[in-house]
């Protein structure tokens, strides 16, 4: 009798355990390297050089935030980001990384550091701080947050 009760208990416990994992998505981690994550800035920078705000915004996840250098307004939607880049691209910017640190997680990565933009139209150079966070979405890395700010101290 005790063995039968124990067997029934084990069957019920197993069924409850199986039921509790239904609806839980098991995610596998995308294998990546710091070099691959570093190349994502190059991809973004190349999209700047096209002069097409739509191509720049294509680097961002649908749910993402842009906290830009030369605007006080956070940009949440693709239309808001395109509006920002439409104006930013007018002076034909190109960025270079001056210092960076990269952290890689499971389907996420952070690239943070210092960069300098040169504006071909005016010849101006602006140094800033940046943080890009990325998420592996489907079959590519997308920016989920991008913060950029001018350096607070003048050299």
Protein backbone atom coordinates (compact mmCIF):
# COMPACT_ATOMS: atom_id res chain seq x y z
CA UNK A 1 0.00 0.00 0.00
CA UNK A 2 2.82 2.39 0.89
CA UNK A 3 4.61 1.65 -2.39
CA UNK A 4 1.40 2.32 -4.36
CA UNK A 5 0.89 5.66 -2.51
CA UNK A 6 4.51 6.62 -3.11
CA UNK A 7 4.19 5.75 -6.81
CA UNK A 8 1.05 7.87 -7.16
CA UNK A 9 2.80 10.74 -5.33
CA UNK A 10 5.81 10.55 -7.69
CA UNK A 11 3.58 10.52 -10.78
CA UNK A 12 1.64 13.57 -9.52
CA UNK A 13 4.85 15.42 -8.58
CA UNK A 14 6.30 14.71 -12.02
CA UNK A 15 3.14 15.96 -13.75
CA UNK A 16 3.13 19.13 -11.64
CA UNK A 17 6.78 19.70 -12.42
CA UNK A 18 6.18 19.29 -16.15
CA UNK A 19 3.16 21.58 -16.05
CA UNK A 20 5.10 24.30 -14.25
CA UNK A 21 7.72 24.47 -17.04
CA UNK A 22 5.15 24.84 -19.81
CA UNK A 23 5.15 28.39 -21.15
CA UNK A 24 8.74 28.94 -20.00
CA UNK A 25 10.97 29.59 -22.98
CA UNK A 26 14.42 28.14 -22.64
CA UNK A 27 16.83 30.48 -24.41
CA UNK A 28 20.19 29.40 -25.73
CA UNK A 29 23.03 31.89 -25.66
CA UNK A 30 24.54 33.24 -28.89
CA UNK A 31 28.26 32.59 -28.89
CA UNK A 32 30.10 35.86 -29.51
CA UNK A 33 33.42 37.63 -29.02
CA UNK A 34 34.48 41.10 -27.97
CA UNK A 35 35.64 41.62 -31.57
CA UNK A 36 32.17 40.86 -32.90
CA UNK A 37 30.62 43.31 -30.44
CA UNK A 38 33.24 45.96 -31.34
CA UNK A 39 32.29 45.53 -35.01
CA UNK A 40 28.73 46.59 -34.20
CA UNK A 41 29.94 50.17 -33.71
CA UNK A 42 31.59 49.95 -37.14
CA UNK A 43 28.29 48.77 -38.61
CA UNK A 44 26.47 51.70 -36.96
CA UNK A 45 29.16 54.16 -38.07
CA UNK A 46 28.97 52.88 -41.67
CA UNK A 47 25.21 53.49 -41.61
CA UNK A 48 25.92 57.10 -40.56
CA UNK A 49 28.12 57.52 -43.64
CA UNK A 50 25.17 56.66 -45.91
CA UNK A 51 23.44 59.86 -44.79
CA UNK A 52 20.18 57.88 -44.55
CA UNK A 53 18.49 58.10 -41.12
CA UNK A 54 16.39 55.01 -41.91
CA UNK A 55 19.57 52.92 -42.34
CA UNK A 56 20.93 54.19 -39.02
CA UNK A 57 17.69 53.38 -37.19
CA UNK A 58 17.76 49.84 -38.66
CA UNK A 59 20.55 49.12 -36.13
CA UNK A 60 18.15 49.61 -33.22
CA UNK A 61 15.72 47.10 -31.72
CA UNK A 62 12.04 47.92 -32.06
CA UNK A 63 11.91 48.46 -28.29
CA UNK A 64 14.96 50.61 -27.63
CA UNK A 65 15.96 54.01 -26.34
CA UNK A 66 18.33 56.61 -27.77
CA UNK A 67 19.61 59.25 -25.34
CA UNK A 68 21.43 61.47 -27.85
CA UNK A 69 24.23 63.97 -27.40
CA UNK A 70 22.69 67.01 -29.05
CA UNK A 71 19.06 66.67 -27.98
CA UNK A 72 17.37 66.70 -24.57
CA UNK A 73 14.56 64.45 -25.84
CA UNK A 74 14.82 60.68 -25.34
CA UNK A 75 13.98 58.89 -28.60
CA UNK A 76 11.85 55.77 -28.14
CA UNK A 77 10.15 55.11 -31.47
CA UNK A 78 11.76 54.52 -34.86
CA UNK A 79 10.16 57.79 -36.08
CA UNK A 80 11.68 59.75 -33.17
CA UNK A 81 15.10 58.22 -33.83
CA UNK A 82 14.84 58.99 -37.56
CA UNK A 83 13.93 62.59 -36.73
CA UNK A 84 17.06 62.90 -34.57
CA UNK A 85 19.36 61.32 -37.12
CA UNK A 86 17.88 63.39 -39.97
CA UNK A 87 19.31 66.49 -38.25
CA UNK A 88 22.47 64.82 -36.88
CA UNK A 89 23.47 63.53 -40.32
CA UNK A 90 23.28 66.98 -41.96
CA UNK A 91 26.91 67.73 -40.98
CA UNK A 92 28.11 64.28 -42.20
CA UNK A 93 29.46 62.79 -38.94
CA UNK A 94 31.93 59.96 -38.63
CA UNK A 95 32.92 58.41 -35.32
CA UNK A 96 36.11 56.84 -34.00
CA UNK A 97 36.50 54.95 -30.74
CA UNK A 98 39.10 56.43 -28.38
CA UNK A 99 38.66 54.03 -25.45
CA UNK A 100 36.26 51.16 -24.86
CA UNK A 101 35.31 48.34 -22.57
CA UNK A 102 33.08 45.47 -23.67
CA UNK A 103 31.09 43.09 -21.50
CA UNK A 104 29.42 40.04 -23.05
CA UNK A 105 26.49 38.15 -21.50
CA UNK A 106 23.89 35.66 -22.67
CA UNK A 107 22.42 37.26 -25.80
CA UNK A 108 23.40 40.70 -24.49
CA UNK A 109 26.46 42.88 -24.65
CA UNK A 110 27.58 46.32 -23.49
CA UNK A 111 30.11 48.50 -25.31
CA UNK A 112 30.98 51.66 -23.34
CA UNK A 113 33.72 54.21 -23.56
CA UNK A 114 34.83 57.40 -25.28
CA UNK A 115 34.47 58.41 -28.91
CA UNK A 116 35.14 61.37 -31.16
CA UNK A 117 32.99 62.55 -34.03
CA UNK A 118 34.40 64.48 -36.95
CA UNK A 119 31.86 66.42 -39.00
CA UNK A 120 32.92 66.52 -42.67
CA UNK A 121 30.68 69.49 -43.51
CA UNK A 122 32.12 71.81 -40.83
CA UNK A 123 35.42 70.16 -39.88
CA UNK A 124 34.35 70.27 -36.22
CA UNK A 125 35.35 67.52 -33.78
CA UNK A 126 33.33 66.58 -30.72
CA UNK A 127 34.43 64.12 -28.05
CA UNK A 128 31.87 62.24 -26.02
CA UNK A 129 31.06 59.33 -23.77
CA UNK A 130 28.92 56.47 -24.99
CA UNK A 131 27.17 53.31 -23.92
CA UNK A 132 25.57 50.88 -26.35
CA UNK A 133 23.66 47.88 -25.05
CA UNK A 134 22.91 45.12 -27.53
CA UNK A 135 20.60 42.12 -27.62
CA UNK A 136 20.73 39.16 -29.97
CA UNK A 137 17.32 39.28 -31.65
CA UNK A 138 16.49 36.48 -34.05
CA UNK A 139 19.56 36.42 -36.25
CA UNK A 140 21.34 39.70 -35.51
CA UNK A 141 22.57 42.05 -32.82
CA UNK A 142 20.41 45.14 -32.30
CA UNK A 143 20.96 48.21 -30.12
CA UNK A 144 18.55 48.24 -27.17
CA UNK A 145 19.89 51.39 -25.56
CA UNK A 146 22.31 54.06 -26.72
CA UNK A 147 23.47 56.86 -24.46
CA UNK A 148 25.80 59.55 -25.71
CA UNK A 149 26.94 62.70 -23.95
CA UNK A 150 29.53 65.38 -24.58
CA UNK A 151 32.60 65.37 -22.38
CA UNK A 152 31.91 67.66 -19.40
CA UNK A 153 35.40 69.12 -19.11
CA UNK A 154 36.99 71.15 -21.87
CA UNK A 155 40.60 70.28 -22.59
